[in-house]
Amino acid sequence: ATVTVTNVAPTVSINPITPIDEFGTVTVSGVVTDPGWLDPLTATIDFDDGAGPQPLAGVLENVRPDATLTFSVQHQYGDNGVYSVQVCAADDDTTGNCSSSPATVNNVVPTVAIDTAGETTYDGVTAFVLHAGETLTVPLDATDPGSDDLTLTWDSGDGSPDSTATSLVNPPALDPAKSPSVQPRDISLSASHVYGDACI
């Protein structure tokens, strides 16, 4: 008699991924299972950050009733977004047996502060002090744990149009919605304005 044993493709199970803030690190864990308990199992992982699939290390066990490849890896994300993490498994007969799970990366609001090095104390008030018609330059310091383009805005308070300046992560290109890089921001930009009349 002839006994024909057909292959069964391995399956991938990914545990739920805990949400993080940008610049944080996720843990992706799970197991590849194959009822062919003597099958060699391999896997790749794609973190959806533009780097593409890469080999996924794990612990292989060829013990009845199933072959298993247990994995747990960490990955840092530099920008907010919902990333589709995909793990693909292969045995000695098939490839491309994939499963995906979302990794949610939350945005963190940037901070901004006026650089007060140029301020003086006048009648008990700390302020920029100058004469009408002189130019006031106001430096701003901004930080952001995310790999984001930052736009700073100055409102002079005298009804004139706002001044803006933008700092790009990777000039001259604009940053995509889900930045592939890990580049926290710490920038300093300044804008100047002339006040025509004495005022506060």
N, C-alpha and C. Protein backbone atom coordinates (compact mmCIF):
# COMPACT_ATOMS: atom_id res chain seq x y z
N ALA A 1 0.85 -1.19 0.00
CA ALA A 1 0.00 0.00 0.00
C ALA A 1 0.88 1.24 0.00
N THR A 2 0.38 2.27 -0.62
CA THR A 2 1.08 3.55 -0.64
C THR A 2 0.38 4.54 0.29
N VAL A 3 1.13 5.12 1.18
CA VAL A 3 0.58 6.12 2.09
C VAL A 3 1.07 7.49 1.65
N THR A 4 0.16 8.36 1.32
CA THR A 4 0.50 9.72 0.91
C THR A 4 0.25 10.69 2.07
N VAL A 5 1.28 11.39 2.48
CA VAL A 5 1.17 12.36 3.57
C VAL A 5 1.31 13.76 2.97
N THR A 6 0.24 14.51 3.01
CA THR A 6 0.28 15.87 2.44
C THR A 6 0.76 16.87 3.49
N ASN A 7 1.40 17.90 3.00
CA ASN A 7 1.92 18.92 3.91
C ASN A 7 0.80 19.81 4.43
N VAL A 8 0.97 20.25 5.66
CA VAL A 8 0.10 21.28 6.25
C VAL A 8 0.98 22.49 6.52
N ALA A 9 0.56 23.64 6.02
CA ALA A 9 1.36 24.85 6.18
C ALA A 9 1.37 25.30 7.65
N PRO A 10 2.48 25.87 8.08
CA PRO A 10 2.52 26.39 9.45
C PRO A 10 1.60 27.60 9.61
N THR A 11 1.17 27.84 10.83
CA THR A 11 0.33 29.00 11.14
C THR A 11 1.07 29.91 12.11
N VAL A 12 0.74 31.20 12.04
CA VAL A 12 1.39 32.20 12.88
C VAL A 12 0.36 32.80 13.83
N SER A 13 0.71 32.86 15.09
CA SER A 13 -0.12 33.51 16.09
C SER A 13 0.70 34.62 16.75
N ILE A 14 0.19 35.85 16.69
CA ILE A 14 0.88 37.00 17.29
C ILE A 14 0.06 37.48 18.49
N ASN A 15 0.71 37.62 19.62
CA ASN A 15 0.03 38.14 20.80
C ASN A 15 -0.31 39.61 20.60
N PRO A 16 -1.39 40.11 21.26
CA PRO A 16 -1.72 41.53 21.15
C PRO A 16 -0.53 42.41 21.53
N ILE A 17 -0.31 43.46 20.75
CA ILE A 17 0.83 44.36 20.97
C ILE A 17 0.36 45.55 21.80
N THR A 18 1.01 45.79 22.92
CA THR A 18 0.64 46.88 23.81
C THR A 18 0.97 48.23 23.16
N PRO A 19 0.00 49.17 23.13
CA PRO A 19 0.28 50.49 22.55
C PRO A 19 1.40 51.21 23.30
N ILE A 20 2.13 52.06 22.57
CA ILE A 20 3.24 52.82 23.15
C ILE A 20 3.16 54.25 22.65
N ASP A 21 3.99 55.13 23.22
CA ASP A 21 4.18 56.48 22.70
C ASP A 21 5.34 56.48 21.71
N GLU A 22 5.34 57.45 20.80
CA GLU A 22 6.44 57.55 19.84
C GLU A 22 7.77 57.67 20.57
N PHE A 23 8.80 57.10 19.98
CA PHE A 23 10.14 56.95 20.54
C PHE A 23 10.20 55.79 21.54
N GLY A 24 9.06 55.11 21.74
CA GLY A 24 9.02 53.96 22.62
C GLY A 24 9.32 52.67 21.88
N THR A 25 9.32 51.57 22.63
CA THR A 25 9.67 50.25 22.09
C THR A 25 8.53 49.28 22.33
N VAL A 26 8.11 48.57 21.27
CA VAL A 26 7.09 47.55 21.39
C VAL A 26 7.75 46.18 21.53
N THR A 27 7.01 45.26 22.11
CA THR A 27 7.42 43.85 22.15
C THR A 27 6.45 43.07 21.29
N VAL A 28 6.98 42.35 20.31
CA VAL A 28 6.17 41.51 19.44
C VAL A 28 6.50 40.06 19.77
N SER A 29 5.50 39.33 20.23
CA SER A 29 5.73 37.94 20.62
C SER A 29 4.64 37.05 20.04
N GLY A 30 4.93 35.78 19.96
CA GLY A 30 3.96 34.83 19.43
C GLY A 30 4.61 33.50 19.16
N VAL A 31 3.93 32.69 18.34
CA VAL A 31 4.43 31.35 18.05
C VAL A 31 4.01 30.92 16.65
N VAL A 32 4.92 30.24 15.99
CA VAL A 32 4.63 29.57 14.72
C VAL A 32 4.41 28.10 15.03
N THR A 33 3.31 27.53 14.53
CA THR A 33 2.96 26.15 14.85
C THR A 33 2.78 25.35 13.57
N ASP A 34 3.28 24.11 13.58
CA ASP A 34 3.16 23.23 12.42
C ASP A 34 2.90 21.80 12.92
N PRO A 35 1.80 21.18 12.45
CA PRO A 35 1.54 19.80 12.88
C PRO A 35 2.58 18.80 12.37
N GLY A 36 3.36 19.22 11.38
CA GLY A 36 4.49 18.38 10.97
C GLY A 36 5.62 18.58 11.97
N TRP A 37 5.63 17.76 13.02
CA TRP A 37 6.48 18.05 14.17
C TRP A 37 7.97 17.91 13.90
N LEU A 38 8.32 17.35 12.74
CA LEU A 38 9.74 17.28 12.37
C LEU A 38 10.14 18.37 11.38
N ASP A 39 9.19 19.22 11.02
CA ASP A 39 9.50 20.27 10.04
C ASP A 39 10.44 21.32 10.63
N PRO A 40 11.43 21.77 9.84
CA PRO A 40 12.22 22.94 10.24
C PRO A 40 11.40 24.20 9.96
N LEU A 41 11.33 25.07 10.92
CA LEU A 41 10.53 26.28 10.77
C LEU A 41 11.42 27.52 10.79
N THR A 42 11.12 28.46 9.92
CA THR A 42 11.79 29.75 9.92
C THR A 42 10.72 30.83 9.78
N ALA A 43 11.09 32.08 10.05
CA ALA A 43 10.12 33.17 9.96
C ALA A 43 10.82 34.48 9.67
N THR A 44 10.06 35.42 9.13
CA THR A 44 10.51 36.80 8.94
C THR A 44 9.50 37.73 9.59
N ILE A 45 9.94 38.95 9.88
CA ILE A 45 9.04 39.95 10.46
C ILE A 45 9.23 41.28 9.73
N ASP A 46 8.11 41.94 9.47
CA ASP A 46 8.11 43.25 8.84
C ASP A 46 7.39 44.20 9.80
N PHE A 47 8.11 45.21 10.28
CA PHE A 47 7.55 46.14 11.26
C PHE A 47 6.77 47.28 10.62
N ASP A 48 6.62 47.28 9.31
CA ASP A 48 5.86 48.30 8.58
C ASP A 48 6.48 49.69 8.75
N ASP A 49 7.81 49.73 8.86
CA ASP A 49 8.50 51.01 9.01
C ASP A 49 9.36 51.34 7.80
N GLY A 50 9.15 50.60 6.71
CA GLY A 50 9.89 50.86 5.49
C GLY A 50 11.15 50.04 5.33
N ALA A 51 11.57 49.32 6.38
CA ALA A 51 12.79 48.53 6.30
C ALA A 51 12.58 47.19 5.60
N GLY A 52 11.32 46.75 5.47
CA GLY A 52 11.03 45.48 4.82
C GLY A 52 11.20 44.29 5.75
N PRO A 53 10.92 43.08 5.24
CA PRO A 53 11.03 41.87 6.07
C PRO A 53 12.48 41.60 6.47
N GLN A 54 12.65 41.06 7.68
CA GLN A 54 13.95 40.66 8.16
C GLN A 54 13.82 39.36 8.94
N PRO A 55 14.90 38.57 9.02
CA PRO A 55 14.81 37.28 9.70
C PRO A 55 14.34 37.44 11.14
N LEU A 56 13.51 36.49 11.58
CA LEU A 56 12.96 36.52 12.93
C LEU A 56 13.53 35.34 13.71
N ALA A 57 14.29 35.67 14.73
CA ALA A 57 14.88 34.61 15.56
C ALA A 57 13.85 34.10 16.56
N GLY A 58 14.01 32.85 16.96
CA GLY A 58 13.10 32.26 17.93
C GLY A 58 13.64 30.94 18.44
N VAL A 59 12.85 30.31 19.28
CA VAL A 59 13.22 29.01 19.85
C VAL A 59 12.43 27.93 19.13
N LEU A 60 13.13 27.06 18.40
CA LEU A 60 12.50 25.99 17.63
C LEU A 60 12.45 24.72 18.46
N GLU A 61 11.26 24.11 18.52
CA GLU A 61 11.09 22.83 19.20
C GLU A 61 10.40 21.85 18.27
N ASN A 62 11.06 20.75 17.96
CA ASN A 62 10.49 19.71 17.12
C ASN A 62 10.08 18.54 18.00
N VAL A 63 9.03 18.76 18.74
CA VAL A 63 8.54 17.78 19.70
C VAL A 63 7.05 17.55 19.45
N ARG A 64 6.64 16.30 19.44
CA ARG A 64 5.23 15.99 19.25
C ARG A 64 4.37 16.73 20.26
N PRO A 65 3.16 17.16 19.89
CA PRO A 65 2.49 16.85 18.61
C PRO A 65 2.77 17.87 17.51
N ASP A 66 3.42 19.01 17.82
CA ASP A 66 3.64 20.06 16.83
C ASP A 66 5.07 20.55 16.88
N ALA A 67 5.53 21.03 15.75
CA ALA A 67 6.76 21.83 15.74
C ALA A 67 6.36 23.26 16.06
N THR A 68 7.15 23.92 16.88
CA THR A 68 6.85 25.31 17.25
C THR A 68 8.10 26.18 17.14
N LEU A 69 7.89 27.41 16.76
CA LEU A 69 8.94 28.43 16.77
C LEU A 69 8.40 29.59 17.59
N THR A 70 8.87 29.72 18.81
CA THR A 70 8.40 30.75 19.72
C THR A 70 9.31 31.97 19.61
N PHE A 71 8.72 33.15 19.46
CA PHE A 71 9.53 34.36 19.25
C PHE A 71 9.07 35.48 20.17
N SER A 72 10.00 36.38 20.46
CA SER A 72 9.72 37.61 21.20
C SER A 72 10.82 38.60 20.85
N VAL A 73 10.45 39.68 20.16
CA VAL A 73 11.43 40.67 19.72
C VAL A 73 10.92 42.07 20.08
N GLN A 74 11.84 43.02 20.17
CA GLN A 74 11.49 44.39 20.47
C GLN A 74 11.84 45.28 19.28
N HIS A 75 11.07 46.37 19.15
CA HIS A 75 11.33 47.30 18.04
C HIS A 75 10.93 48.70 18.47
N GLN A 76 11.78 49.68 18.15
CA GLN A 76 11.52 51.07 18.51
C GLN A 76 10.91 51.81 17.33
N TYR A 77 9.87 52.60 17.62
CA TYR A 77 9.22 53.41 16.60
C TYR A 77 9.47 54.89 16.89
N GLY A 78 9.87 55.63 15.87
CA GLY A 78 10.19 57.04 16.04
C GLY A 78 9.04 57.98 15.78
N ASP A 79 7.90 57.46 15.29
CA ASP A 79 6.79 58.34 14.94
C ASP A 79 5.48 57.65 15.25
N ASN A 80 4.45 58.46 15.44
CA ASN A 80 3.14 57.89 15.75
C ASN A 80 2.48 57.32 14.50
N GLY A 81 1.50 56.46 14.73
CA GLY A 81 0.77 55.81 13.64
C GLY A 81 0.34 54.42 14.07
N VAL A 82 -0.42 53.77 13.21
CA VAL A 82 -0.80 52.38 13.42
C VAL A 82 -0.03 51.55 12.41
N TYR A 83 0.91 50.76 12.89
CA TYR A 83 1.79 49.98 12.04
C TYR A 83 1.29 48.53 11.99
N SER A 84 1.24 47.98 10.79
CA SER A 84 0.80 46.60 10.62
C SER A 84 2.02 45.68 10.65
N VAL A 85 2.25 45.06 11.80
CA VAL A 85 3.40 44.16 11.97
C VAL A 85 3.02 42.80 11.38
N GLN A 86 3.84 42.31 10.47
CA GLN A 86 3.53 41.05 9.77
C GLN A 86 4.64 40.03 10.01
N VAL A 87 4.24 38.84 10.45
CA VAL A 87 5.16 37.71 10.61
C VAL A 87 4.79 36.65 9.59
N CYS A 88 5.78 36.20 8.82
CA CYS A 88 5.56 35.17 7.80
C CYS A 88 6.42 33.96 8.12
N ALA A 89 5.81 32.79 8.06
CA ALA A 89 6.50 31.54 8.42
C ALA A 89 6.70 30.66 7.20
N ALA A 90 7.69 29.79 7.31
CA ALA A 90 7.98 28.82 6.24
C ALA A 90 8.38 27.49 6.87
N ASP A 91 7.96 26.38 6.24
CA ASP A 91 8.50 25.07 6.58
C ASP A 91 9.33 24.61 5.39
N ASP A 92 9.58 23.33 5.28
CA ASP A 92 10.42 22.85 4.17
C ASP A 92 9.64 22.68 2.87
N ASP A 93 8.35 23.01 2.89
CA ASP A 93 7.52 22.86 1.69
C ASP A 93 6.87 24.16 1.23
N THR A 94 6.60 25.07 2.16
CA THR A 94 5.86 26.28 1.80
C THR A 94 6.52 27.51 2.42
N THR A 95 6.22 28.65 1.83
CA THR A 95 6.64 29.95 2.37
C THR A 95 5.44 30.89 2.33
N GLY A 96 5.60 32.05 2.93
CA GLY A 96 4.56 33.07 2.83
C GLY A 96 3.30 32.78 3.62
N ASN A 97 3.45 32.08 4.74
CA ASN A 97 2.30 31.82 5.61
C ASN A 97 2.30 32.92 6.68
N CYS A 98 1.46 33.94 6.48
CA CYS A 98 1.62 35.19 7.22
C CYS A 98 0.43 35.50 8.12
N SER A 99 0.72 36.30 9.13
CA SER A 99 -0.31 36.86 9.99
C SER A 99 0.15 38.26 10.40
N SER A 100 -0.82 39.16 10.63
CA SER A 100 -0.49 40.55 10.98
C SER A 100 -1.18 40.96 12.26
N SER A 101 -0.58 41.94 12.93
CA SER A 101 -1.16 42.50 14.14
C SER A 101 -0.81 43.99 14.19
N PRO A 102 -1.75 44.84 14.62
CA PRO A 102 -1.47 46.28 14.65
C PRO A 102 -0.62 46.68 15.85
N ALA A 103 0.34 47.57 15.61
CA ALA A 103 1.12 48.20 16.67
C ALA A 103 0.74 49.68 16.68
N THR A 104 0.07 50.11 17.75
CA THR A 104 -0.39 51.49 17.85
C THR A 104 0.65 52.33 18.58
N VAL A 105 1.11 53.38 17.90
CA VAL A 105 2.11 54.29 18.47
C VAL A 105 1.45 55.66 18.60
N ASN A 106 1.32 56.12 19.82
CA ASN A 106 0.62 57.38 20.09
C ASN A 106 1.53 58.59 19.91
N ASN A 107 0.92 59.69 19.46
CA ASN A 107 1.66 60.93 19.32
C ASN A 107 1.91 61.56 20.69
N VAL A 108 3.06 62.21 20.83
CA VAL A 108 3.37 63.00 22.01
C VAL A 108 3.46 64.46 21.58
N VAL A 109 2.75 65.33 22.29
CA VAL A 109 2.71 66.75 21.92
C VAL A 109 4.08 67.38 22.14
N PRO A 110 4.59 68.13 21.15
CA PRO A 110 5.89 68.80 21.34
C PRO A 110 5.80 69.91 22.38
N THR A 111 6.94 70.28 22.91
CA THR A 111 6.99 71.38 23.88
C THR A 111 7.75 72.54 23.24
N VAL A 112 7.41 73.75 23.66
CA VAL A 112 8.10 74.93 23.15
C VAL A 112 8.25 75.93 24.28
N ALA A 113 9.35 76.65 24.28
CA ALA A 113 9.61 77.66 25.30
C ALA A 113 10.41 78.81 24.69
N ILE A 114 10.12 79.99 25.17
CA ILE A 114 10.90 81.15 24.74
C ILE A 114 12.23 81.14 25.47
N ASP A 115 13.30 81.30 24.73
CA ASP A 115 14.63 81.41 25.33
C ASP A 115 14.73 82.78 25.99
N THR A 116 14.79 82.78 27.31
CA THR A 116 14.72 84.05 28.05
C THR A 116 16.09 84.69 28.27
N ALA A 117 17.12 84.22 27.59
CA ALA A 117 18.46 84.77 27.81
C ALA A 117 18.51 86.27 27.49
N GLY A 118 17.66 86.73 26.56
CA GLY A 118 17.71 88.14 26.18
C GLY A 118 16.78 89.03 26.98
N GLU A 119 16.08 88.47 27.97
CA GLU A 119 15.14 89.26 28.76
C GLU A 119 15.85 90.00 29.90
N THR A 120 15.23 91.07 30.34
CA THR A 120 15.73 91.83 31.49
C THR A 120 14.59 92.05 32.46
N THR A 121 14.93 92.45 33.67
CA THR A 121 13.90 92.75 34.67
C THR A 121 13.69 94.26 34.71
N TYR A 122 12.45 94.68 34.51
CA TYR A 122 12.12 96.10 34.43
C TYR A 122 10.89 96.34 35.30
N ASP A 123 11.05 97.13 36.34
CA ASP A 123 9.96 97.40 37.29
C ASP A 123 9.37 96.10 37.84
N GLY A 124 10.24 95.14 38.13
CA GLY A 124 9.79 93.88 38.72
C GLY A 124 9.23 92.88 37.74
N VAL A 125 9.24 93.24 36.45
CA VAL A 125 8.70 92.34 35.43
C VAL A 125 9.84 91.88 34.52
N THR A 126 9.93 90.58 34.30
CA THR A 126 10.94 90.05 33.38
C THR A 126 10.38 90.10 31.97
N ALA A 127 11.06 90.79 31.08
CA ALA A 127 10.53 90.99 29.73
C ALA A 127 11.66 91.36 28.78
N PHE A 128 11.36 91.30 27.49
CA PHE A 128 12.24 91.90 26.49
C PHE A 128 11.97 93.40 26.51
N VAL A 129 13.02 94.20 26.67
CA VAL A 129 12.86 95.65 26.74
C VAL A 129 13.63 96.29 25.58
N LEU A 130 12.94 97.13 24.80
CA LEU A 130 13.58 97.79 23.67
C LEU A 130 12.81 99.07 23.36
N HIS A 131 13.38 99.89 22.49
CA HIS A 131 12.73 101.13 22.09
C HIS A 131 11.88 100.89 20.84
N ALA A 132 10.86 101.72 20.68
CA ALA A 132 10.04 101.66 19.47
C ALA A 132 10.92 101.83 18.25
N GLY A 133 10.68 101.01 17.24
CA GLY A 133 11.47 101.06 16.01
C GLY A 133 12.65 100.12 16.02
N GLU A 134 13.01 99.57 17.17
CA GLU A 134 14.11 98.60 17.23
C GLU A 134 13.59 97.20 16.89
N THR A 135 14.51 96.35 16.51
CA THR A 135 14.16 94.98 16.14
C THR A 135 14.29 94.06 17.36
N LEU A 136 13.22 93.29 17.59
CA LEU A 136 13.24 92.30 18.67
C LEU A 136 13.37 90.91 18.04
N THR A 137 14.36 90.15 18.47
CA THR A 137 14.52 88.77 18.02
C THR A 137 14.15 87.85 19.17
N VAL A 138 13.18 86.97 18.91
CA VAL A 138 12.69 86.06 19.95
C VAL A 138 13.07 84.63 19.58
N PRO A 139 14.01 84.02 20.34
CA PRO A 139 14.39 82.64 20.07
C PRO A 139 13.45 81.66 20.78
N LEU A 140 13.12 80.58 20.09
CA LEU A 140 12.27 79.53 20.65
C LEU A 140 13.04 78.22 20.66
N ASP A 141 12.86 77.46 21.74
CA ASP A 141 13.42 76.10 21.85
C ASP A 141 12.25 75.13 21.84
N ALA A 142 12.32 74.11 20.99
CA ALA A 142 11.24 73.13 20.88
C ALA A 142 11.81 71.72 20.93
N THR A 143 11.07 70.85 21.59
CA THR A 143 11.46 69.43 21.65
C THR A 143 10.27 68.57 21.28
N ASP A 144 10.56 67.40 20.75
CA ASP A 144 9.52 66.44 20.37
C ASP A 144 10.16 65.06 20.34
N PRO A 145 9.64 64.08 21.10
CA PRO A 145 10.20 62.74 21.03
C PRO A 145 9.94 62.05 19.70
N GLY A 146 8.99 62.57 18.93
CA GLY A 146 8.68 61.99 17.63
C GLY A 146 9.58 62.52 16.54
N SER A 147 9.72 61.73 15.50
CA SER A 147 10.53 62.13 14.34
C SER A 147 9.66 62.95 13.40
N ASP A 148 9.33 64.15 13.81
CA ASP A 148 8.38 64.97 13.08
C ASP A 148 9.03 66.26 12.58
N ASP A 149 8.52 66.75 11.43
CA ASP A 149 8.81 68.12 11.03
C ASP A 149 8.11 69.05 12.03
N LEU A 150 8.79 70.10 12.47
CA LEU A 150 8.21 71.02 13.43
C LEU A 150 8.08 72.41 12.82
N THR A 151 6.91 73.01 13.01
CA THR A 151 6.67 74.38 12.58
C THR A 151 6.41 75.24 13.81
N LEU A 152 7.21 76.29 13.98
CA LEU A 152 7.06 77.21 15.10
C LEU A 152 6.40 78.49 14.61
N THR A 153 5.54 79.06 15.45
CA THR A 153 4.78 80.26 15.10
C THR A 153 4.97 81.32 16.17
N TRP A 154 5.25 82.55 15.74
CA TRP A 154 5.40 83.69 16.63
C TRP A 154 4.23 84.65 16.41
N ASP A 155 3.52 85.00 17.47
CA ASP A 155 2.47 86.01 17.42
C ASP A 155 3.01 87.24 18.14
N SER A 156 3.23 88.30 17.41
CA SER A 156 3.87 89.48 17.98
C SER A 156 2.96 90.25 18.93
N GLY A 157 1.65 90.03 18.84
CA GLY A 157 0.72 90.68 19.75
C GLY A 157 0.31 92.07 19.35
N ASP A 158 0.80 92.58 18.20
CA ASP A 158 0.43 93.95 17.79
C ASP A 158 -0.47 93.97 16.56
N GLY A 159 -1.03 92.80 16.24
CA GLY A 159 -1.95 92.73 15.11
C GLY A 159 -1.29 92.43 13.78
N SER A 160 0.03 92.41 13.72
CA SER A 160 0.72 92.09 12.47
C SER A 160 0.66 90.59 12.22
N PRO A 161 0.87 90.14 10.97
CA PRO A 161 0.80 88.71 10.67
C PRO A 161 1.82 87.90 11.48
N ASP A 162 1.44 86.67 11.79
CA ASP A 162 2.35 85.78 12.51
C ASP A 162 3.57 85.45 11.67
N SER A 163 4.66 85.14 12.35
CA SER A 163 5.87 84.64 11.68
C SER A 163 5.96 83.14 11.93
N THR A 164 6.40 82.40 10.94
CA THR A 164 6.54 80.94 11.10
C THR A 164 7.89 80.50 10.56
N ALA A 165 8.37 79.38 11.09
CA ALA A 165 9.59 78.75 10.60
C ALA A 165 9.45 77.25 10.81
N THR A 166 9.92 76.49 9.85
CA THR A 166 9.79 75.04 9.88
C THR A 166 11.16 74.38 9.89
N SER A 167 11.30 73.38 10.74
CA SER A 167 12.51 72.56 10.79
C SER A 167 12.15 71.15 10.33
N LEU A 168 12.78 70.71 9.24
CA LEU A 168 12.51 69.39 8.67
C LEU A 168 13.42 68.33 9.29
N VAL A 169 12.87 67.13 9.47
CA VAL A 169 13.66 66.02 10.00
C VAL A 169 14.76 65.64 9.01
N ASN A 170 14.37 65.44 7.77
CA ASN A 170 15.31 65.04 6.72
C ASN A 170 15.17 65.94 5.51
N PRO A 171 15.69 67.16 5.60
CA PRO A 171 15.55 68.09 4.48
C PRO A 171 16.28 67.57 3.25
N PRO A 172 15.80 67.92 2.06
CA PRO A 172 14.69 68.85 1.81
C PRO A 172 13.32 68.18 1.77
N ALA A 173 13.26 66.86 2.01
CA ALA A 173 11.98 66.15 1.88
C ALA A 173 11.11 66.39 3.11
N LEU A 174 9.79 66.44 2.87
CA LEU A 174 8.85 66.51 3.98
C LEU A 174 8.75 65.14 4.63
N ASP A 175 8.50 65.12 5.92
CA ASP A 175 8.40 63.87 6.66
C ASP A 175 7.10 63.15 6.32
N PRO A 176 7.14 61.84 6.01
CA PRO A 176 5.90 61.11 5.74
C PRO A 176 5.07 60.95 7.00
N ALA A 177 3.81 60.53 6.81
CA ALA A 177 2.89 60.39 7.95
C ALA A 177 3.44 59.46 9.02
N LYS A 178 4.02 58.35 8.61
CA LYS A 178 4.67 57.42 9.54
C LYS A 178 6.17 57.44 9.24
N SER A 179 6.88 58.29 9.96
CA SER A 179 8.31 58.46 9.69
C SER A 179 9.06 57.16 9.91
N PRO A 180 9.91 56.74 8.98
CA PRO A 180 10.64 55.49 9.14
C PRO A 180 11.85 55.60 10.08
N SER A 181 12.22 56.81 10.47
CA SER A 181 13.43 56.99 11.26
C SER A 181 13.10 57.22 12.73
N VAL A 182 14.11 57.09 13.56
CA VAL A 182 13.99 57.41 14.98
C VAL A 182 14.89 58.62 15.23
N GLN A 183 14.29 59.81 15.19
CA GLN A 183 15.04 61.06 15.30
C GLN A 183 14.29 62.05 16.20
N PRO A 184 14.41 61.91 17.50
CA PRO A 184 13.74 62.89 18.37
C PRO A 184 14.27 64.29 18.10
N ARG A 185 13.40 65.28 18.26
CA ARG A 185 13.73 66.66 17.88
C ARG A 185 14.10 67.50 19.10
N ASP A 186 15.10 68.33 18.92
CA ASP A 186 15.50 69.35 19.91
C ASP A 186 16.08 70.49 19.10
N ILE A 187 15.26 71.50 18.84
CA ILE A 187 15.65 72.55 17.89
C ILE A 187 15.54 73.93 18.52
N SER A 188 16.23 74.88 17.93
CA SER A 188 16.14 76.28 18.31
C SER A 188 16.00 77.11 17.04
N LEU A 189 14.95 77.93 16.98
CA LEU A 189 14.72 78.83 15.85
C LEU A 189 14.34 80.19 16.40
N SER A 190 14.52 81.23 15.61
CA SER A 190 14.19 82.57 16.06
C SER A 190 13.51 83.35 14.95
N ALA A 191 12.76 84.36 15.37
CA ALA A 191 12.11 85.27 14.43
C ALA A 191 12.25 86.69 14.96
N SER A 192 12.30 87.64 14.05
CA SER A 192 12.48 89.05 14.43
C SER A 192 11.25 89.87 14.06
N HIS A 193 11.04 90.94 14.83
CA HIS A 193 9.89 91.81 14.58
C HIS A 193 10.24 93.23 15.04
N VAL A 194 9.75 94.21 14.30
CA VAL A 194 9.94 95.62 14.65
C VAL A 194 8.60 96.17 15.16
N TYR A 195 8.61 96.70 16.39
CA TYR A 195 7.44 97.35 16.95
C TYR A 195 7.53 98.85 16.66
N GLY A 196 6.54 99.37 15.95
CA GLY A 196 6.59 100.76 15.54
C GLY A 196 6.29 101.75 16.65
N ASP A 197 5.52 101.31 17.65
CA ASP A 197 5.12 102.21 18.73
C ASP A 197 5.49 101.59 20.07
N ALA A 198 5.60 102.45 21.08
CA ALA A 198 5.81 101.95 22.44
C ALA A 198 4.57 101.19 22.88
N CYS A 199 4.78 100.06 23.48
CA CYS A 199 3.64 99.22 23.86
C CYS A 199 4.12 98.12 24.80
N ILE A 200 3.16 97.38 25.33
CA ILE A 200 3.46 96.16 26.08
C ILE A 200 2.76 95.02 25.37
